[in-house]
Protein backbone atom coordinates (compact mmCIF):
# COMPACT_ATOMS: atom_id res chain seq x y z
CA MET A 1 -125.84 159.29 26.08
CA LYS A 2 -127.03 156.93 23.54
CA LYS A 3 -125.31 156.11 20.49
CA ASN A 4 -126.10 153.50 17.54
CA ARG A 5 -123.85 150.60 17.52
CA ALA A 6 -121.32 151.34 14.65
CA ILE A 7 -120.26 147.53 14.10
CA PHE A 8 -120.13 147.47 10.31
CA GLN A 9 -118.20 150.78 9.97
CA ARG A 10 -115.83 149.38 12.50
CA LEU A 11 -115.50 146.14 10.55
CA PHE A 12 -113.91 146.66 7.92
CA LEU A 13 -97.07 139.14 14.81
CA ILE A 14 -95.47 137.62 13.53
CA CYS A 15 -94.45 133.95 13.15
CA LEU A 16 -91.95 133.72 10.64
CA LEU A 17 -89.34 136.20 12.00
CA LEU A 18 -86.40 136.48 10.11
CA GLY A 19 -87.57 133.16 8.39
CA CYS A 20 -87.51 131.20 11.52
CA LEU A 21 -90.43 128.69 11.85
CA CYS A 22 -92.19 128.91 15.14
CA SER A 23 -94.27 126.55 17.19
CA PHE A 24 -97.96 126.46 16.58
CA GLU A 25 -100.51 125.06 19.10
CA THR A 26 -104.34 125.40 18.60
CA LEU A 27 -106.67 125.18 21.55
CA ASN A 28 -110.30 124.44 20.66
CA ALA A 29 -112.01 123.60 24.03
CA GLU A 30 -114.32 125.98 26.00
CA THR A 31 -111.98 128.50 27.78
CA THR A 32 -112.02 127.87 31.51
CA PHE A 33 -110.39 130.59 33.64
CA PRO A 34 -109.11 129.57 37.05
CA GLU A 35 -110.20 132.51 38.76
CA THR A 36 -113.42 134.91 38.26
CA LYS A 37 -113.84 138.33 39.95
CA ALA A 38 -116.63 140.92 39.88
CA LEU A 39 -115.23 144.57 39.45
CA HIS A 40 -117.24 147.51 40.23
CA GLY A 41 -116.28 150.63 38.42
CA ARG A 42 -116.01 154.13 39.76
CA THR A 43 -117.07 156.70 36.87
CA ILE A 44 -114.53 159.59 36.70
CA PRO A 45 -116.21 162.91 36.52
CA ILE A 46 -115.41 165.18 33.45
CA ASP A 47 -116.62 168.88 33.47
CA THR A 48 -116.67 169.00 29.54
CA ALA A 49 -118.84 167.47 27.16
CA LEU A 50 -116.66 166.11 24.56
CA PHE A 51 -117.41 162.72 23.15
CA ARG A 52 -119.57 161.07 20.50
CA TYR A 53 -118.34 157.56 20.55
CA PRO A 54 -115.45 157.25 22.99
CA TRP A 55 -113.29 154.08 21.93
CA ARG A 56 -109.67 154.06 23.47
CA ILE A 57 -107.61 155.55 26.14
CA ARG A 58 -103.88 155.33 26.82
CA VAL A 59 -101.75 157.09 29.71
CA ASN A 60 -98.38 158.23 29.48
CA GLY A 61 -97.03 159.66 32.89
CA ASP A 62 -99.22 162.39 33.99
CA ARG A 63 -100.88 162.79 30.87
CA ALA A 64 -103.95 160.62 29.31
CA VAL A 65 -105.39 160.60 25.85
CA VAL A 66 -109.01 159.40 24.91
CA GLU A 67 -109.91 158.61 21.41
CA ASP A 68 -113.55 159.43 20.25
CA LEU A 69 -114.08 157.29 17.03
CA HIS A 70 -116.82 159.60 15.60
CA GLY A 71 -115.65 162.81 16.96
CA PRO A 72 -117.53 165.55 15.42
CA ASP A 73 -114.74 168.00 15.47
CA ASN A 74 -111.66 166.43 16.89
CA PHE A 75 -110.55 162.83 17.35
CA PHE A 76 -108.33 162.88 20.59
CA HIS A 77 -108.70 164.66 23.63
CA LEU A 78 -105.91 165.26 26.24
CA PHE A 79 -106.28 165.27 29.97
CA SER A 80 -104.21 165.58 32.75
CA TYR A 81 -103.70 162.19 34.82
CA PRO A 82 -104.97 160.89 37.26
CA ASP A 83 -107.45 163.77 38.07
CA PHE A 84 -108.71 163.92 34.18
CA ARG A 85 -108.73 167.51 34.03
CA TYR A 86 -109.47 168.46 30.36
CA LEU A 87 -106.46 170.22 28.55
CA SER A 88 -106.88 170.19 24.95
CA SER A 89 -108.20 168.45 21.90
CA PHE A 90 -106.20 167.59 18.44
CA SER A 91 -106.49 165.93 15.29
CA LYS A 92 -109.31 167.93 13.68
CA ARG A 93 -111.72 165.84 11.69
CA GLY A 94 -111.94 167.12 8.04
CA GLU A 95 -110.55 166.59 4.42
CA GLY A 96 -108.07 169.24 4.53
CA PRO A 97 -104.10 168.56 4.42
CA GLU A 98 -103.64 168.86 8.11
CA GLU A 99 -106.90 167.28 9.10
CA MET A 100 -107.98 163.44 9.66
CA LEU A 101 -110.78 161.61 7.87
CA GLN A 102 -110.96 158.55 10.15
CA ALA A 103 -108.80 157.64 13.21
CA GLU A 104 -108.26 154.03 14.19
CA ASN A 105 -105.67 153.94 16.88
CA PHE A 106 -102.84 155.71 18.66
CA ARG A 107 -99.84 154.61 20.50
CA TRP A 108 -97.33 156.69 22.95
CA GLU A 109 -93.65 156.26 22.18
CA GLY A 110 -92.08 158.07 25.02
CA ASN A 111 -93.35 161.56 25.02
CA ASP A 112 -94.39 161.20 21.39
CA LEU A 113 -97.74 159.78 20.19
CA TRP A 114 -98.45 158.17 16.83
CA THR A 115 -102.06 158.30 15.28
CA LEU A 116 -103.16 156.10 12.44
CA ASP A 117 -105.88 157.62 9.64
CA CYS A 118 -106.87 154.74 7.89
CA ASN A 119 -108.72 156.50 5.18
CA LYS A 120 -105.86 158.66 4.52
CA SER A 121 -103.43 155.64 4.78
CA GLU A 122 -101.05 157.80 6.75
CA MET A 123 -99.44 158.15 10.42
CA VAL A 124 -98.86 161.43 12.04
CA LEU A 125 -96.54 162.13 14.91
CA TRP A 126 -97.40 164.40 17.53
CA ARG A 127 -95.24 166.00 20.49
CA PHE A 128 -95.98 167.94 23.66
CA ASN A 129 -95.47 171.65 23.71
CA THR A 130 -93.41 173.00 26.32
CA ARG A 131 -96.31 173.51 28.78
CA ARG A 132 -97.49 169.89 28.07
CA ASP A 133 -101.01 171.15 27.83
CA SER A 134 -101.54 170.27 24.23
CA LEU A 135 -99.82 167.95 21.46
CA LEU A 136 -98.54 169.62 18.02
CA ARG A 137 -98.17 168.00 14.73
CA ARG A 138 -94.77 167.26 13.95
CA ARG A 139 -94.45 164.79 11.11
CA VAL A 140 -96.51 162.87 8.52
CA VAL A 141 -95.74 159.40 7.22
CA LYS A 142 -97.50 158.38 4.03
CA LEU A 143 -98.04 154.56 3.95
CA GLN A 144 -97.45 152.86 0.72
CA LYS A 145 -100.52 151.78 -1.38
CA GLU A 146 -99.62 148.20 -0.96
CA LEU A 147 -100.97 148.42 2.52
CA LEU A 148 -104.51 147.88 2.10
CA ARG A 149 -106.63 150.00 4.40
CA PRO A 150 -104.33 149.85 7.64
CA LEU A 151 -106.72 149.53 10.70
CA ASP A 152 -104.34 149.12 13.29
CA PHE A 153 -100.51 149.24 14.19
CA ALA A 154 -98.00 148.66 16.84
CA ILE A 155 -94.60 150.11 17.31
CA TYR A 156 -92.01 147.30 17.12
CA SER A 157 -88.88 149.51 17.42
CA GLY A 158 -87.36 152.77 16.75
CA THR A 159 -87.41 152.23 13.05
CA ARG A 160 -90.45 149.80 12.25
CA PHE A 161 -94.17 149.44 12.67
CA LEU A 162 -96.29 146.21 12.69
CA ILE A 163 -99.66 146.51 10.80
CA PRO A 164 -102.01 143.72 10.00
CA ASP A 165 -102.28 142.89 6.43
CA TYR A 166 -106.01 143.11 5.18
CA SER A 167 -105.26 141.71 1.59
CA GLY A 168 -105.49 138.26 3.07
CA ASP A 169 -102.07 137.07 1.66
CA ASN A 170 -100.36 137.16 4.94
CA ARG A 171 -101.04 138.36 8.59
CA PHE A 172 -98.80 141.32 9.15
CA CYS A 173 -96.79 143.95 7.41
CA TRP A 174 -93.51 145.21 8.42
CA VAL A 175 -93.04 148.91 7.66
CA ASP A 176 -90.33 151.54 8.13
CA ARG A 177 -90.61 154.98 9.59
CA GLN A 178 -90.93 156.46 5.77
CA GLY A 179 -94.11 154.38 5.15
CA LYS A 180 -92.32 151.99 3.11
CA LEU A 181 -93.24 148.09 3.05
CA LEU A 182 -90.38 146.01 3.97
CA ARG A 183 -91.98 142.67 3.94
CA LYS A 184 -94.98 140.54 5.03
CA THR A 185 -94.93 137.69 7.27
CA GLY A 186 -97.24 134.90 8.78
CA ASP A 187 -100.62 133.50 7.57
CA ILE A 188 -104.19 133.81 8.92
CA PRO A 189 -104.44 130.62 11.20
CA SER A 190 -107.91 129.73 9.90
CA SER A 191 -109.18 126.25 9.40
CA ASN A 192 -111.52 127.51 6.62
CA LYS A 193 -109.54 126.04 3.74
CA LYS A 194 -112.19 127.18 1.14
CA ALA A 195 -111.98 130.66 2.35
CA LEU A 196 -108.16 130.43 2.24
CA LYS A 197 -108.22 129.34 -1.08
CA GLU A 198 -111.05 131.43 -2.61
CA SER A 199 -111.90 134.53 -0.54
CA ARG A 200 -108.70 135.59 1.04
CA PRO A 201 -109.72 139.31 1.18
CA ALA A 202 -113.27 138.56 2.92
CA LEU A 203 -111.32 136.09 5.35
CA ALA A 204 -109.06 139.04 6.28
CA GLN A 205 -111.92 141.20 6.95
CA ALA A 206 -113.52 138.52 9.09
CA TRP A 207 -110.19 138.24 10.95
CA ARG A 208 -109.76 142.00 11.75
CA SER A 209 -107.64 141.72 14.76
CA PHE A 210 -106.62 144.32 17.57
CA ILE A 211 -103.04 144.13 18.32
CA ASP A 212 -100.56 145.08 20.95
CA TYR A 213 -96.82 144.62 21.54
CA ASN A 214 -94.53 144.88 24.56
CA PRO A 215 -90.80 145.57 23.81
CA ARG A 216 -89.89 144.64 27.07
CA ASN A 217 -90.74 141.03 26.85
CA GLY A 218 -91.24 140.85 23.13
CA VAL A 219 -94.92 139.51 23.29
CA LEU A 220 -97.16 140.64 20.53
CA ALA A 221 -100.80 139.75 20.90
CA ALA A 222 -103.64 139.68 18.47
CA VAL A 223 -107.33 139.23 19.09
CA THR A 224 -110.13 138.96 16.68
CA GLN A 225 -113.04 141.46 16.56
CA LEU A 226 -115.27 138.59 15.62
CA GLY A 227 -115.18 135.27 17.06
CA ASP A 228 -113.00 134.06 19.92
CA VAL A 229 -109.30 133.79 18.82
CA LEU A 230 -106.13 134.95 20.71
CA GLU A 231 -102.81 134.89 19.04
CA VAL A 232 -99.50 135.32 21.04
CA TYR A 233 -96.33 135.78 19.38
CA ASN A 234 -93.03 135.77 21.17
CA LEU A 235 -90.63 137.64 19.05
CA LYS A 236 -87.64 137.05 21.18
CA ARG A 237 -88.29 133.34 21.36
CA ASN A 238 -89.91 132.71 17.78
CA THR A 239 -92.79 131.26 19.30
CA HIS A 240 -96.41 131.48 18.22
CA MET A 241 -99.50 130.34 19.86
CA VAL A 242 -103.08 130.28 18.54
CA LYS A 243 -106.21 129.77 20.94
CA VAL A 244 -109.47 129.22 19.35
CA GLY A 245 -112.07 129.61 22.41
CA GLY A 246 -115.30 128.10 22.82
CA GLN A 247 -117.15 130.78 20.59
CA GLY A 248 -114.88 129.59 17.81
CA GLU A 249 -113.38 131.18 14.69
CA PRO A 250 -114.87 134.54 13.05
CA GLN A 251 -117.79 133.35 11.06
CA PHE A 252 -118.91 135.21 7.85
CA MET A 253 -120.60 135.06 4.47
CA VAL A 254 -119.01 136.33 1.20
CA SER A 255 -121.16 138.98 -0.50
CA ARG A 256 -121.31 139.10 -4.32
CA ASP A 257 -119.00 141.90 -4.13
CA GLY A 258 -116.52 139.71 -2.29
CA TYR A 259 -116.72 141.33 1.15
CA GLY A 260 -117.02 139.49 4.35
CA ILE A 261 -120.52 139.72 6.12
CA PRO A 262 -120.24 138.75 9.81
CA THR A 263 -122.86 136.01 10.95
CA GLY A 264 -121.23 134.81 14.43
CA ILE A 265 -120.44 137.09 17.24
CA MET A 266 -118.62 140.26 18.38
CA GLY A 267 -115.75 139.08 20.10
CA TYR A 268 -112.80 141.06 21.50
CA GLY A 269 -112.84 144.72 21.82
CA ASP A 270 -109.16 145.71 22.92
CA VAL A 271 -105.98 144.05 24.15
CA GLN A 272 -103.13 145.29 26.16
CA VAL A 273 -99.66 143.28 26.63
CA THR A 274 -98.22 144.39 30.10
CA ASP A 275 -95.07 143.05 31.78
CA SER A 276 -96.70 140.11 33.13
CA ALA A 277 -99.90 139.36 31.26
CA ILE A 278 -102.10 139.83 28.42
CA TYR A 279 -105.42 141.79 28.97
CA THR A 280 -108.43 141.71 26.70
CA THR A 281 -111.95 142.89 26.70
CA PHE A 282 -114.57 140.54 25.16
CA GLU A 283 -118.29 141.04 24.26
CA GLY A 284 -119.84 137.82 22.91
CA GLU A 285 -123.01 139.14 21.59
CA THR A 286 -124.35 137.33 18.52
CA PHE A 287 -125.19 139.31 15.40
CA LYS A 288 -128.62 137.47 15.33
CA ASN A 289 -129.42 138.96 18.79
CA ILE A 290 -128.26 142.23 17.90
CA ALA A 291 -130.49 142.24 14.72
CA SER A 292 -133.32 140.95 16.63
CA ASN A 293 -133.08 143.69 19.28
CA HIS A 294 -132.86 146.26 16.80
CA GLN A 295 -135.85 145.13 14.98
CA LYS A 296 -137.79 145.30 18.38
CA GLY A 297 -136.27 148.69 19.25
CA ILE A 298 -134.30 147.22 22.09
CA GLU A 299 -130.92 149.32 22.44
CA THR A 300 -128.00 147.16 22.66
CA ARG A 301 -125.18 148.42 24.78
CA ASN A 302 -121.63 148.99 23.10
CA GLY A 303 -118.80 147.11 24.43
CA GLY A 304 -118.37 144.11 26.41
CA ASN A 305 -118.74 143.56 30.27
CA ARG A 306 -115.81 140.96 30.50
CA ILE A 307 -112.09 141.13 30.69
CA TYR A 308 -110.19 138.07 30.08
CA VAL A 309 -106.74 137.89 31.40
CA TYR A 310 -103.98 135.63 29.80
CA THR A 311 -100.51 134.63 30.66
CA LEU A 312 -97.81 135.90 28.36
CA GLU A 313 -97.99 132.14 26.97
CA GLY A 314 -101.52 132.70 26.29
CA GLU A 315 -103.02 130.44 28.89
CA PRO A 316 -106.16 131.41 30.74
CA LEU A 317 -105.37 133.36 34.14
CA ARG A 318 -108.34 135.25 35.29
CA LYS A 319 -111.76 136.45 34.18
CA TYR A 320 -113.25 140.14 35.46
CA GLU A 321 -116.83 140.62 35.12
CA LEU A 322 -117.68 144.18 35.19
CA ASP A 323 -120.98 146.35 36.07
CA HIS A 324 -120.11 148.37 32.91
CA TYR A 325 -119.94 147.69 29.05
CA VAL A 326 -116.60 149.02 27.75
CA ASP A 327 -114.59 149.09 24.70
CA GLY A 328 -110.83 150.35 25.30
CA ILE A 329 -108.83 149.58 28.43
CA TRP A 330 -105.69 150.80 29.81
CA VAL A 331 -104.37 148.71 32.69
CA ASP A 332 -101.64 149.93 35.36
CA GLU A 333 -100.71 146.61 37.24
CA GLU A 334 -98.48 148.62 39.67
CA LYS A 335 -101.38 150.66 41.04
CA GLY A 336 -103.71 147.62 40.62
CA ILE A 337 -106.24 149.72 38.45
CA ILE A 338 -107.92 149.15 35.13
CA LEU A 339 -109.07 152.37 33.30
CA ALA A 340 -111.83 151.74 30.71
CA VAL A 341 -114.10 153.42 28.33
CA ASP A 342 -117.77 153.19 28.58
CA GLY A 343 -119.50 154.71 25.75
CA ASN A 344 -122.98 154.06 26.91
CA GLN A 345 -122.74 157.03 29.31
CA ASP A 346 -122.05 160.95 29.14
CA GLU A 347 -118.71 160.63 31.52
CA PRO A 348 -117.11 157.52 29.79
CA ILE A 349 -114.11 157.05 31.94
CA VAL A 350 -114.38 154.60 34.55
CA GLU A 351 -111.77 153.15 37.10
CA PHE A 352 -111.85 149.38 38.21
CA LYS A 353 -109.62 148.18 41.08
CA MET A 354 -108.18 144.83 40.46
């Protein structure tokens, strides 16, 4: 299954918790991992043709959901786990009142599932039916208009969400379960003083980050889609660490309309905070090479073939080199496996043994 790279469509936490200043450290040296290991993936057969651009995967008990970023009919597909037997699809694509314009991310909360529609600026709560073979729409939360194009979210507690701030004024928005903006906190940790002063919206676009939060250890991680930046916030200890890797900060130019145009590299693709580590996918392809390959008619594969593992303090721990190019991952440390989404093949679910 061949797909065009949807980079430009896709382009488009907290340090000051309760007013407490957090420690801040920036590392600019080339990232060196103490251990490097090659992983060979096993493709999991799926007997149903569903996907156009599979993007994310998350498992909850005996059920797994896979997100299709450009799903023609539905954005999400439910499977049994671990056999990946197809059960049903949900979140119909469309402009109707119970349809979705554009899915960005989704999160399990117990047996409930939250999805985010960035174009409608709303979140939807889904719940299993009694047979657990489908998810039913239960509640819609309209986000306040002050939340500028929400592209990701994390569940902080039973009462609040964390959403990256794309106005450029701050780093994160705290939002209640009614969609009300409670406060904004933090700053974009960029060394680009000119952009911080003159082009904050474009800077925020360039610093678009994928986030994940683990309530058991209080660690919130953010990784940049462009460049090579990892942020680690420990919300229990009120600490904040920024690691700028060897590929540097997100690089961009500002268009006449004030938008950020990427000029550096595609960076991180996904992040998961487990109980013991931070797992990320990394690409590293330059936009110059992407454009050159496109002009030559050379197909560039979606995703990256590296998984970087960091400690909960943000120190390099391990690098996995994959024989697949993947976007989303889901890590089960207890079983020692990583499930990944390889959108370059017809059967996109791949299992790696760590």
